[in-house]
Amino acid sequence: MSIISILSKGGLLMVLIAICSFIGAGIIVERWLTLRRARVNTGTLMNRVRQSLRGGEVGRALDICDETPGPVARMLKEGVLRAGASRELIRETVESAGKSELYKLERGLDSLATIAGVAPLLGFLGTVTGMIRAFMDIQALGGQVNANVLAGGIWAALVTTAAGLTVGIPALIFYNWLVGKVRHFVFEMERSSMELLDLLGGEEVKTDAIRTVEAEHGL
């Protein structure tokens, strides 16, 4: 028997499992590409921002953040825009930007976790309903069935379990892998935000430079 004919034995639930597999694969590819594009050398970024701020070149620090992709740079930019403000305001701004970037990083992961849990359950449900149908057929035939008929009904029912696990296991593995990547970004953002707060410290880096930047950005 071909793979298609074997999978078709699973019935309607196989369609739902197939949908889960396509959605899960799409999320995995999209998140992998997004996180790959966001990857950046945070140490180098912070060194450049630090040198600019210590030299009073706030505008240059903003340009560096704009030129650098990823959530860390975007979060740092929000903090640099508040240079010269109170430490509390800078901290709140950076925290808000960090939460926004974290939401973007985690987008789709809850759906992937759902697929990792639901796909095997759909498979088990298909097996249970298949077994129910098999025993109903046995009862309808008055128990006059041979081993071949019984075995055929059972393996057809177990197809959904195998399919559900085939989808669920990789989804769970990739979910944990992606969560680990997101945690790394979170760590980098937390470390960078603390260093930025220490650099700015709620005090003016260079009054004239800050006023120029505020005027340019309408602050």
C-alpha atoms as a PDB file:
ATOM      1  CA  MET A   1       0.000   0.000   0.000  1.00  0.00           C
ATOM      2  CA  SER A   2       1.169   3.540  -0.737  1.00  0.00           C
ATOM      3  CA  ILE A   3       1.699   6.147   1.983  1.00  0.00           C
ATOM      4  CA  ILE A   4      -1.324   8.086   0.718  1.00  0.00           C
ATOM      5  CA  SER A   5      -3.621   5.089   0.960  1.00  0.00           C
ATOM      6  CA  ILE A   6      -2.324   4.268   4.437  1.00  0.00           C
ATOM      7  CA  LEU A   7      -2.853   7.831   5.686  1.00  0.00           C
ATOM      8  CA  SER A   8      -6.322   7.935   4.167  1.00  0.00           C
ATOM      9  CA  LYS A   9      -7.313   5.138   6.550  1.00  0.00           C
ATOM     10  CA  GLY A  10      -7.165   7.656   9.371  1.00  0.00           C
ATOM     11  CA  GLY A  11     -10.251   9.486   8.167  1.00  0.00           C
ATOM     12  CA  LEU A  12     -11.224  13.081   8.901  1.00  0.00           C
ATOM     13  CA  LEU A  13      -8.849  13.472  11.838  1.00  0.00           C
ATOM     14  CA  MET A  14      -5.925  12.949   9.485  1.00  0.00           C
ATOM     15  CA  VAL A  15      -6.978  16.139   7.718  1.00  0.00           C
ATOM     16  CA  LEU A  16      -6.811  18.047  11.014  1.00  0.00           C
ATOM     17  CA  ILE A  17      -3.401  16.561  11.788  1.00  0.00           C
ATOM     18  CA  ALA A  18      -2.188  17.532   8.305  1.00  0.00           C
ATOM     19  CA  ILE A  19      -3.397  21.102   8.875  1.00  0.00           C
ATOM     20  CA  CYS A  20      -1.487  21.163  12.174  1.00  0.00           C
ATOM     21  CA  SER A  21       1.644  19.986  10.394  1.00  0.00           C
ATOM     22  CA  PHE A  22       1.453  22.729   7.747  1.00  0.00           C
ATOM     23  CA  ILE A  23       0.780  25.466  10.304  1.00  0.00           C
ATOM     24  CA  GLY A  24       3.547  24.192  12.578  1.00  0.00           C
ATOM     25  CA  ALA A  25       6.061  24.020   9.722  1.00  0.00           C
ATOM     26  CA  GLY A  26       5.145  27.549   8.671  1.00  0.00           C
ATOM     27  CA  ILE A  27       5.643  28.906  12.193  1.00  0.00           C
ATOM     28  CA  ILE A  28       8.988  27.138  12.581  1.00  0.00           C
ATOM     29  CA  VAL A  29      10.369  28.468   9.294  1.00  0.00           C
ATOM     30  CA  GLU A  30       9.072  32.003   9.898  1.00  0.00           C
ATOM     31  CA  ARG A  31      10.421  32.184  13.450  1.00  0.00           C
ATOM     32  CA  TRP A  32      13.783  30.722  12.423  1.00  0.00           C
ATOM     33  CA  LEU A  33      14.191  33.315   9.673  1.00  0.00           C
ATOM     34  CA  THR A  34      13.089  36.140  11.982  1.00  0.00           C
ATOM     35  CA  LEU A  35      15.471  35.168  14.778  1.00  0.00           C
ATOM     36  CA  ARG A  36      18.294  34.610  12.311  1.00  0.00           C
ATOM     37  CA  ARG A  37      17.874  38.112  10.895  1.00  0.00           C
ATOM     38  CA  ALA A  38      17.716  39.557  14.419  1.00  0.00           C
ATOM     39  CA  ARG A  39      21.005  37.963  15.483  1.00  0.00           C
ATOM     40  CA  VAL A  40      23.724  40.533  16.091  1.00  0.00           C
ATOM     41  CA  ASN A  41      26.954  40.905  18.046  1.00  0.00           C
ATOM     42  CA  THR A  42      25.622  42.693  21.106  1.00  0.00           C
ATOM     43  CA  GLY A  43      29.087  43.357  22.517  1.00  0.00           C
ATOM     44  CA  THR A  44      30.166  45.234  19.392  1.00  0.00           C
ATOM     45  CA  LEU A  45      26.894  47.170  19.324  1.00  0.00           C
ATOM     46  CA  MET A  46      27.251  48.265  22.948  1.00  0.00           C
ATOM     47  CA  ASN A  47      30.897  49.282  22.428  1.00  0.00           C
ATOM     48  CA  ARG A  48      29.914  51.570  19.548  1.00  0.00           C
ATOM     49  CA  VAL A  49      26.958  53.042  21.446  1.00  0.00           C
ATOM     50  CA  ARG A  50      29.117  53.517  24.547  1.00  0.00           C
ATOM     51  CA  GLN A  51      31.832  55.370  22.639  1.00  0.00           C
ATOM     52  CA  SER A  52      29.268  57.638  20.990  1.00  0.00           C
ATOM     53  CA  LEU A  53      27.508  58.513  24.228  1.00  0.00           C
ATOM     54  CA  ARG A  54      30.729  59.160  26.118  1.00  0.00           C
ATOM     55  CA  GLY A  55      31.746  61.498  23.323  1.00  0.00           C
ATOM     56  CA  GLY A  56      28.440  63.323  23.522  1.00  0.00           C
ATOM     57  CA  GLU A  57      27.436  62.085  20.052  1.00  0.00           C
ATOM     58  CA  VAL A  58      23.853  61.117  20.855  1.00  0.00           C
ATOM     59  CA  GLY A  59      22.809  61.433  17.224  1.00  0.00           C
ATOM     60  CA  ARG A  60      25.583  59.039  16.208  1.00  0.00           C
ATOM     61  CA  ALA A  61      24.387  56.543  18.838  1.00  0.00           C
ATOM     62  CA  LEU A  62      20.892  56.718  17.344  1.00  0.00           C
ATOM     63  CA  ASP A  63      22.302  56.165  13.843  1.00  0.00           C
ATOM     64  CA  ILE A  64      24.159  53.093  15.091  1.00  0.00           C
ATOM     65  CA  CYS A  65      20.921  51.704  16.537  1.00  0.00           C
ATOM     66  CA  ASP A  66      19.085  52.404  13.272  1.00  0.00           C
ATOM     67  CA  GLU A  67      21.795  50.694  11.228  1.00  0.00           C
ATOM     68  CA  THR A  68      21.794  47.582  13.422  1.00  0.00           C
ATOM     69  CA  PRO A  69      18.965  45.050  13.019  1.00  0.00           C
ATOM     70  CA  GLY A  70      17.362  43.199  15.881  1.00  0.00           C
ATOM     71  CA  PRO A  71      15.431  43.803  19.098  1.00  0.00           C
ATOM     72  CA  VAL A  72      18.449  44.859  21.171  1.00  0.00           C
ATOM     73  CA  ALA A  73      19.236  47.804  18.891  1.00  0.00           C
ATOM     74  CA  ARG A  74      15.604  48.913  18.718  1.00  0.00           C
ATOM     75  CA  MET A  75      15.311  48.801  22.509  1.00  0.00           C
ATOM     76  CA  LEU A  76      18.553  50.744  22.969  1.00  0.00           C
ATOM     77  CA  LYS A  77      17.339  53.407  20.560  1.00  0.00           C
ATOM     78  CA  GLU A  78      14.298  54.112  22.736  1.00  0.00           C
ATOM     79  CA  GLY A  79      16.564  54.563  25.724  1.00  0.00           C
ATOM     80  CA  VAL A  80      19.024  56.807  23.877  1.00  0.00           C
ATOM     81  CA  LEU A  81      16.129  58.991  22.737  1.00  0.00           C
ATOM     82  CA  ARG A  82      15.502  59.749  26.426  1.00  0.00           C
ATOM     83  CA  ALA A  83      19.118  60.677  27.130  1.00  0.00           C
ATOM     84  CA  GLY A  84      19.221  63.476  29.686  1.00  0.00           C
ATOM     85  CA  ALA A  85      15.902  62.508  31.243  1.00  0.00           C
ATOM     86  CA  SER A  86      15.562  61.043  34.721  1.00  0.00           C
ATOM     87  CA  ARG A  87      16.847  57.549  35.332  1.00  0.00           C
ATOM     88  CA  GLU A  88      13.326  56.379  36.160  1.00  0.00           C
ATOM     89  CA  LEU A  89      11.930  57.651  32.855  1.00  0.00           C
ATOM     90  CA  ILE A  90      14.762  56.032  30.915  1.00  0.00           C
ATOM     91  CA  ARG A  91      14.232  52.762  32.767  1.00  0.00           C
ATOM     92  CA  GLU A  92      10.477  52.777  32.101  1.00  0.00           C
ATOM     93  CA  THR A  93      11.041  53.567  28.429  1.00  0.00           C
ATOM     94  CA  VAL A  94      13.578  50.787  28.004  1.00  0.00           C
ATOM     95  CA  GLU A  95      11.361  48.299  29.856  1.00  0.00           C
ATOM     96  CA  SER A  96       8.379  49.174  27.685  1.00  0.00           C
ATOM     97  CA  ALA A  97      10.455  48.812  24.513  1.00  0.00           C
ATOM     98  CA  GLY A  98      11.836  45.509  25.788  1.00  0.00           C
ATOM     99  CA  LYS A  99       8.348  44.137  26.410  1.00  0.00           C
ATOM    100  CA  SER A 100       7.295  45.167  22.925  1.00  0.00           C
ATOM    101  CA  GLU A 101      10.314  43.444  21.374  1.00  0.00           C
ATOM    102  CA  LEU A 102       9.748  40.336  23.489  1.00  0.00           C
ATOM    103  CA  TYR A 103       6.163  40.123  22.228  1.00  0.00           C
ATOM    104  CA  LYS A 104       7.459  40.213  18.654  1.00  0.00           C
ATOM    105  CA  LEU A 105      10.035  37.509  19.392  1.00  0.00           C
ATOM    106  CA  GLU A 106       7.454  35.197  20.986  1.00  0.00           C
ATOM    107  CA  ARG A 107       4.833  35.671  18.273  1.00  0.00           C
ATOM    108  CA  GLY A 108       3.597  32.311  17.031  1.00  0.00           C
ATOM    109  CA  LEU A 109       5.305  30.256  19.730  1.00  0.00           C
ATOM    110  CA  ASP A 110       2.063  29.768  21.678  1.00  0.00           C
ATOM    111  CA  SER A 111       0.454  28.358  18.536  1.00  0.00           C
ATOM    112  CA  LEU A 112       3.401  26.024  18.002  1.00  0.00           C
ATOM    113  CA  ALA A 113       3.126  24.818  21.613  1.00  0.00           C
ATOM    114  CA  THR A 114      -0.591  24.180  21.063  1.00  0.00           C
ATOM    115  CA  ILE A 115       0.145  22.138  17.943  1.00  0.00           C
ATOM    116  CA  ALA A 116       2.784  20.128  19.817  1.00  0.00           C
ATOM    117  CA  GLY A 117       0.156  19.181  22.397  1.00  0.00           C
ATOM    118  CA  VAL A 118      -2.943  18.872  20.221  1.00  0.00           C
ATOM    119  CA  ALA A 119      -1.544  16.811  17.312  1.00  0.00           C
ATOM    120  CA  PRO A 120      -0.815  13.680  19.438  1.00  0.00           C
ATOM    121  CA  LEU A 121      -4.198  14.047  21.132  1.00  0.00           C
ATOM    122  CA  LEU A 122      -5.914  14.135  17.762  1.00  0.00           C
ATOM    123  CA  GLY A 123      -4.030  10.977  16.890  1.00  0.00           C
ATOM    124  CA  PHE A 124      -5.165   9.248  20.071  1.00  0.00           C
ATOM    125  CA  LEU A 125      -8.723  10.378  19.423  1.00  0.00           C
ATOM    126  CA  GLY A 126      -8.561   8.858  15.946  1.00  0.00           C
ATOM    127  CA  THR A 127      -7.328   5.587  17.397  1.00  0.00           C
ATOM    128  CA  VAL A 128     -10.074   5.493  20.016  1.00  0.00           C
ATOM    129  CA  THR A 129     -12.823   6.241  17.510  1.00  0.00           C
ATOM    130  CA  GLY A 130     -11.333   3.691  15.108  1.00  0.00           C
ATOM    131  CA  MET A 131     -11.294   1.029  17.799  1.00  0.00           C
ATOM    132  CA  ILE A 132     -14.904   1.839  18.652  1.00  0.00           C
ATOM    133  CA  ARG A 133     -15.892   1.352  15.024  1.00  0.00           C
ATOM    134  CA  ALA A 134     -13.945  -1.910  14.849  1.00  0.00           C
ATOM    135  CA  PHE A 135     -15.698  -3.374  17.897  1.00  0.00           C
ATOM    136  CA  MET A 136     -19.065  -2.155  16.632  1.00  0.00           C
ATOM    137  CA  ASP A 137     -18.415  -4.074  13.410  1.00  0.00           C
ATOM    138  CA  ILE A 138     -17.457  -7.136  15.453  1.00  0.00           C
ATOM    139  CA  GLN A 139     -20.703  -6.891  17.401  1.00  0.00           C
ATOM    140  CA  ALA A 140     -22.701  -6.372  14.227  1.00  0.00           C
ATOM    141  CA  LEU A 141     -21.200  -9.556  12.765  1.00  0.00           C
ATOM    142  CA  GLY A 142     -21.989 -11.472  15.909  1.00  0.00           C
ATOM    143  CA  GLY A 143     -18.321 -12.040  16.629  1.00  0.00           C
ATOM    144  CA  GLN A 144     -17.896 -14.036  13.420  1.00  0.00           C
ATOM    145  CA  VAL A 145     -14.698 -12.311  12.275  1.00  0.00           C
ATOM    146  CA  ASN A 146     -11.256 -13.654  11.615  1.00  0.00           C
ATOM    147  CA  ALA A 147      -7.951 -12.305  12.846  1.00  0.00           C
ATOM    148  CA  ASN A 148      -7.176 -10.611   9.532  1.00  0.00           C
ATOM    149  CA  VAL A 149     -10.322  -8.483   9.648  1.00  0.00           C
ATOM    150  CA  LEU A 150      -9.704  -7.505  13.270  1.00  0.00           C
ATOM    151  CA  ALA A 151      -6.023  -6.695  12.718  1.00  0.00           C
ATOM    152  CA  GLY A 152      -6.817  -4.620   9.641  1.00  0.00           C
ATOM    153  CA  GLY A 153      -9.267  -2.468  11.564  1.00  0.00           C
ATOM    154  CA  ILE A 154      -6.857  -1.963  14.455  1.00  0.00           C
ATOM    155  CA  TRP A 155      -3.814  -0.932  12.402  1.00  0.00           C
ATOM    156  CA  ALA A 156      -5.966   1.468  10.414  1.00  0.00           C
ATOM    157  CA  ALA A 157      -7.033   3.075  13.692  1.00  0.00           C
ATOM    158  CA  LEU A 158      -3.440   3.312  14.922  1.00  0.00           C
ATOM    159  CA  VAL A 159      -2.403   5.279  11.834  1.00  0.00           C
ATOM    160  CA  THR A 160      -3.771   8.489  13.364  1.00  0.00           C
ATOM    161  CA  THR A 161      -1.710   8.006  16.533  1.00  0.00           C
ATOM    162  CA  ALA A 162       1.469   7.556  14.504  1.00  0.00           C
ATOM    163  CA  ALA A 163       0.646  10.624  12.415  1.00  0.00           C
ATOM    164  CA  GLY A 164      -0.148  12.728  15.483  1.00  0.00           C
ATOM    165  CA  LEU A 165       3.114  11.793  17.167  1.00  0.00           C
ATOM    166  CA  THR A 166       5.033  12.412  13.941  1.00  0.00           C
ATOM    167  CA  VAL A 167       3.718  15.980  13.943  1.00  0.00           C
ATOM    168  CA  GLY A 168       3.757  16.589  17.697  1.00  0.00           C
ATOM    169  CA  ILE A 169       7.283  15.427  18.532  1.00  0.00           C
ATOM    170  CA  PRO A 170       9.142  17.682  16.037  1.00  0.00           C
ATOM    171  CA  ALA A 171       6.838  20.572  16.946  1.00  0.00           C
ATOM    172  CA  LEU A 172       7.776  20.190  20.615  1.00  0.00           C
ATOM    173  CA  ILE A 173      11.487  19.938  19.822  1.00  0.00           C
ATOM    174  CA  PHE A 174      11.451  23.053  17.664  1.00  0.00           C
ATOM    175  CA  TYR A 175       9.308  24.902  20.203  1.00  0.00           C
ATOM    176  CA  ASN A 176      11.876  24.329  22.939  1.00  0.00           C
ATOM    177  CA  TRP A 177      14.694  25.257  20.570  1.00  0.00           C
ATOM    178  CA  LEU A 178      12.983  28.518  19.593  1.00  0.00           C
ATOM    179  CA  VAL A 179      12.207  29.329  23.234  1.00  0.00           C
ATOM    180  CA  GLY A 180      15.899  28.905  24.001  1.00  0.00           C
ATOM    181  CA  LYS A 181      16.754  31.373  21.227  1.00  0.00           C
ATOM    182  CA  VAL A 182      14.222  33.888  22.568  1.00  0.00           C
ATOM    183  CA  ARG A 183      15.649  33.537  26.079  1.00  0.00           C
ATOM    184  CA  HIS A 184      19.080  34.364  24.700  1.00  0.00           C
ATOM    185  CA  PHE A 185      17.702  37.565  23.175  1.00  0.00           C
ATOM    186  CA  VAL A 186      15.992  38.412  26.462  1.00  0.00           C
ATOM    187  CA  PHE A 187      19.282  37.983  28.308  1.00  0.00           C
ATOM    188  CA  GLU A 188      21.064  40.229  25.816  1.00  0.00           C
ATOM    189  CA  MET A 189      18.347  42.875  26.116  1.00  0.00           C
ATOM    190  CA  GLU A 190      18.458  42.845  29.911  1.00  0.00           C
ATOM    191  CA  ARG A 191      22.235  43.121  29.989  1.00  0.00           C
ATOM    192  CA  SER A 192      22.293  45.888  27.391  1.00  0.00           C
ATOM    193  CA  SER A 193      19.532  47.858  29.106  1.00  0.00           C
ATOM    194  CA  MET A 194      21.392  47.807  32.423  1.00  0.00           C
ATOM    195  CA  GLU A 195      24.581  49.004  30.753  1.00  0.00           C
ATOM    196  CA  LEU A 196      22.678  51.762  28.952  1.00  0.00           C
ATOM    197  CA  LEU A 197      21.168  52.940  32.240  1.00  0.00           C
ATOM    198  CA  ASP A 198      24.635  53.047  33.777  1.00  0.00           C
ATOM    199  CA  LEU A 199      25.897  55.059  30.801  1.00  0.00           C
ATOM    200  CA  LEU A 200      23.096  57.598  30.855  1.00  0.00           C
ATOM    201  CA  GLY A 201      22.565  57.559  34.597  1.00  0.00           C
ATOM    202  CA  GLY A 202      19.745  60.049  34.383  1.00  0.00           C
ATOM    203  CA  GLU A 203      22.219  62.863  33.708  1.00  0.00           C
ATOM    204  CA  GLU A 204      22.855  64.889  30.591  1.00  0.00           C
ATOM    205  CA  VAL A 205      25.502  63.418  28.326  1.00  0.00           C
ATOM    206  CA  LYS A 206      26.002  66.637  26.389  1.00  0.00           C
ATOM    207  CA  THR A 207      23.300  69.290  26.694  1.00  0.00           C
ATOM    208  CA  ASP A 208      23.681  70.785  23.237  1.00  0.00           C
ATOM    209  CA  ALA A 209      23.774  67.414  21.493  1.00  0.00           C
ATOM    210  CA  ILE A 210      20.699  66.221  23.363  1.00  0.00           C
ATOM    211  CA  ARG A 211      18.730  69.335  22.509  1.00  0.00           C
ATOM    212  CA  THR A 212      19.585  68.876  18.859  1.00  0.00           C
ATOM    213  CA  VAL A 213      18.383  65.269  18.886  1.00  0.00           C
ATOM    214  CA  GLU A 214      15.213  66.212  20.776  1.00  0.00           C
ATOM    215  CA  ALA A 215      14.439  68.852  18.174  1.00  0.00           C
ATOM    216  CA  GLU A 216      15.041  66.420  15.321  1.00  0.00           C
ATOM    217  CA  HIS A 217      12.732  63.815  16.829  1.00  0.00           C
ATOM    218  CA  GLY A 218      10.124  66.201  18.186  1.00  0.00           C
ATOM    219  CA  LEU A 219      10.764  65.339  21.840  1.00  0.00           C
END
